[in-house]
Amino acid sequence: MQDRLNSITRLSIDHYIARLNIEHYKKMLETEIDEITRQIVMQLLAEEHANLVEAISKAIVREAEKDPEQKRGVNG
C-alpha cells in the first residue's frame, strides 16, 4: 500500500512540475526572445512534454502489472 501511495505521490509531483515547466516555457515563447533562445526553449518544451508522457505511461504500466491477488481483493 505504501509503495502505491509513493508511486501516486511521485506521479503527482512529476506531473505538477512538468505542467509548471510547460506553462513557463510557453510564456517565454510569447515574449520577444532571440532565435537561439527560442530554439532552446522549444527543445525544453518538447522534452518536458515527453517527460510528462513518460511519467503517465509508467504509472499506467505499474497499474497494469499489479498482483492479481490485489485486484481480486478490490473486486471482491
C-alpha atoms as a PDB file:
ATOM      1  CA  MET A   1       0.000   0.000   0.000  1.00  0.00           C
ATOM      2  CA  GLN A   2       2.799   2.419   0.903  1.00  0.00           C
ATOM      3  CA  ASP A   3       4.583   1.701  -2.397  1.00  0.00           C
ATOM      4  CA  ARG A   4       1.413   2.522  -4.297  1.00  0.00           C
ATOM      5  CA  LEU A   5       0.971   5.740  -2.329  1.00  0.00           C
ATOM      6  CA  ASN A   6       4.589   6.703  -3.003  1.00  0.00           C
ATOM      7  CA  SER A   7       4.086   5.950  -6.692  1.00  0.00           C
ATOM      8  CA  ILE A   8       0.952   8.088  -6.867  1.00  0.00           C
ATOM      9  CA  THR A   9       2.639  10.896  -4.951  1.00  0.00           C
ATOM     10  CA  ARG A  10       5.685  10.761  -7.229  1.00  0.00           C
ATOM     11  CA  LEU A  11       3.491  10.861 -10.336  1.00  0.00           C
ATOM     12  CA  SER A  12       1.567  13.812  -8.925  1.00  0.00           C
ATOM     13  CA  ILE A  13       4.770  15.704  -8.195  1.00  0.00           C
ATOM     14  CA  ASP A  14       6.273  14.871 -11.597  1.00  0.00           C
ATOM     15  CA  HIS A  15       3.041  15.877 -13.326  1.00  0.00           C
ATOM     16  CA  TYR A  16       2.811  19.146 -11.388  1.00  0.00           C
ATOM     17  CA  ILE A  17       6.421  20.108 -12.093  1.00  0.00           C
ATOM     18  CA  ALA A  18       6.091  19.217 -15.773  1.00  0.00           C
ATOM     19  CA  ARG A  19       2.928  21.311 -16.097  1.00  0.00           C
ATOM     20  CA  LEU A  20       4.624  24.277 -14.408  1.00  0.00           C
ATOM     21  CA  ASN A  21       7.634  23.982 -16.705  1.00  0.00           C
ATOM     22  CA  ILE A  22       5.431  23.712 -19.785  1.00  0.00           C
ATOM     23  CA  GLU A  23       3.494  26.825 -18.767  1.00  0.00           C
ATOM     24  CA  HIS A  24       6.752  28.684 -18.120  1.00  0.00           C
ATOM     25  CA  TYR A  25       8.247  27.726 -21.489  1.00  0.00           C
ATOM     26  CA  LYS A  26       5.061  28.701 -23.327  1.00  0.00           C
ATOM     27  CA  LYS A  27       5.105  32.116 -21.654  1.00  0.00           C
ATOM     28  CA  MET A  28       8.730  32.545 -22.631  1.00  0.00           C
ATOM     29  CA  LEU A  29       7.827  31.844 -26.256  1.00  0.00           C
ATOM     30  CA  GLU A  30       5.225  34.615 -26.123  1.00  0.00           C
ATOM     31  CA  THR A  31       7.918  37.183 -25.343  1.00  0.00           C
ATOM     32  CA  GLU A  32      10.419  38.726 -27.692  1.00  0.00           C
ATOM     33  CA  ILE A  33      13.451  36.470 -27.451  1.00  0.00           C
ATOM     34  CA  ASP A  34      16.276  35.901 -29.881  1.00  0.00           C
ATOM     35  CA  GLU A  35      16.155  32.939 -32.268  1.00  0.00           C
ATOM     36  CA  ILE A  36      18.780  30.870 -30.439  1.00  0.00           C
ATOM     37  CA  THR A  37      16.931  31.212 -27.126  1.00  0.00           C
ATOM     38  CA  ARG A  38      13.652  30.406 -28.885  1.00  0.00           C
ATOM     39  CA  GLN A  39      15.130  27.179 -30.272  1.00  0.00           C
ATOM     40  CA  ILE A  40      16.428  26.198 -26.835  1.00  0.00           C
ATOM     41  CA  VAL A  41      13.060  26.881 -25.208  1.00  0.00           C
ATOM     42  CA  MET A  42      11.276  24.907 -27.939  1.00  0.00           C
ATOM     43  CA  GLN A  43      13.603  21.971 -27.237  1.00  0.00           C
ATOM     44  CA  LEU A  44      12.989  22.231 -23.491  1.00  0.00           C
ATOM     45  CA  LEU A  45       9.257  22.359 -24.105  1.00  0.00           C
ATOM     46  CA  ALA A  46       9.389  19.220 -26.255  1.00  0.00           C
ATOM     47  CA  GLU A  47      11.477  17.426 -23.621  1.00  0.00           C
ATOM     48  CA  GLU A  48       9.064  18.394 -20.852  1.00  0.00           C
ATOM     49  CA  HIS A  49       6.109  17.107 -22.866  1.00  0.00           C
ATOM     50  CA  ALA A  50       8.000  13.833 -23.377  1.00  0.00           C
ATOM     51  CA  ASN A  51       8.762  13.619 -19.636  1.00  0.00           C
ATOM     52  CA  LEU A  52       5.093  14.082 -18.840  1.00  0.00           C
ATOM     53  CA  VAL A  53       4.021  11.369 -21.270  1.00  0.00           C
ATOM     54  CA  GLU A  54       6.693   9.017 -19.897  1.00  0.00           C
ATOM     55  CA  ALA A  55       5.610   9.552 -16.285  1.00  0.00           C
ATOM     56  CA  ILE A  56       1.986   8.866 -17.138  1.00  0.00           C
ATOM     57  CA  SER A  57       2.907   5.816 -19.217  1.00  0.00           C
ATOM     58  CA  LYS A  58       4.979   4.362 -16.385  1.00  0.00           C
ATOM     59  CA  ALA A  59       2.088   4.816 -13.971  1.00  0.00           C
ATOM     60  CA  ILE A  60      -0.271   3.033 -16.352  1.00  0.00           C
ATOM     61  CA  VAL A  61       2.163   0.133 -16.775  1.00  0.00           C
ATOM     62  CA  ARG A  62       2.606  -0.183 -12.999  1.00  0.00           C
ATOM     63  CA  GLU A  63      -1.158  -0.354 -12.546  1.00  0.00           C
ATOM     64  CA  ALA A  64      -1.471  -2.986 -15.279  1.00  0.00           C
ATOM     65  CA  GLU A  65       1.255  -5.145 -13.705  1.00  0.00           C
ATOM     66  CA  LYS A  66      -0.312  -5.242 -10.250  1.00  0.00           C
ATOM     67  CA  ASP A  67      -0.537  -8.536  -8.439  1.00  0.00           C
ATOM     68  CA  PRO A  68      -3.747 -10.366  -9.441  1.00  0.00           C
ATOM     69  CA  GLU A  69      -4.462 -11.044  -5.753  1.00  0.00           C
ATOM     70  CA  GLN A  70      -4.655  -7.323  -5.078  1.00  0.00           C
ATOM     71  CA  LYS A  71      -7.148  -6.929  -7.901  1.00  0.00           C
ATOM     72  CA  ARG A  72      -9.198  -9.815  -6.560  1.00  0.00           C
ATOM     73  CA  GLY A  73      -9.239  -8.209  -3.110  1.00  0.00           C
ATOM     74  CA  VAL A  74     -10.502  -4.932  -4.536  1.00  0.00           C
ATOM     75  CA  ASN A  75     -13.148  -6.538  -6.728  1.00  0.00           C
ATOM     76  CA  GLY A  76     -14.484  -8.959  -4.222  1.00  0.00           C
END
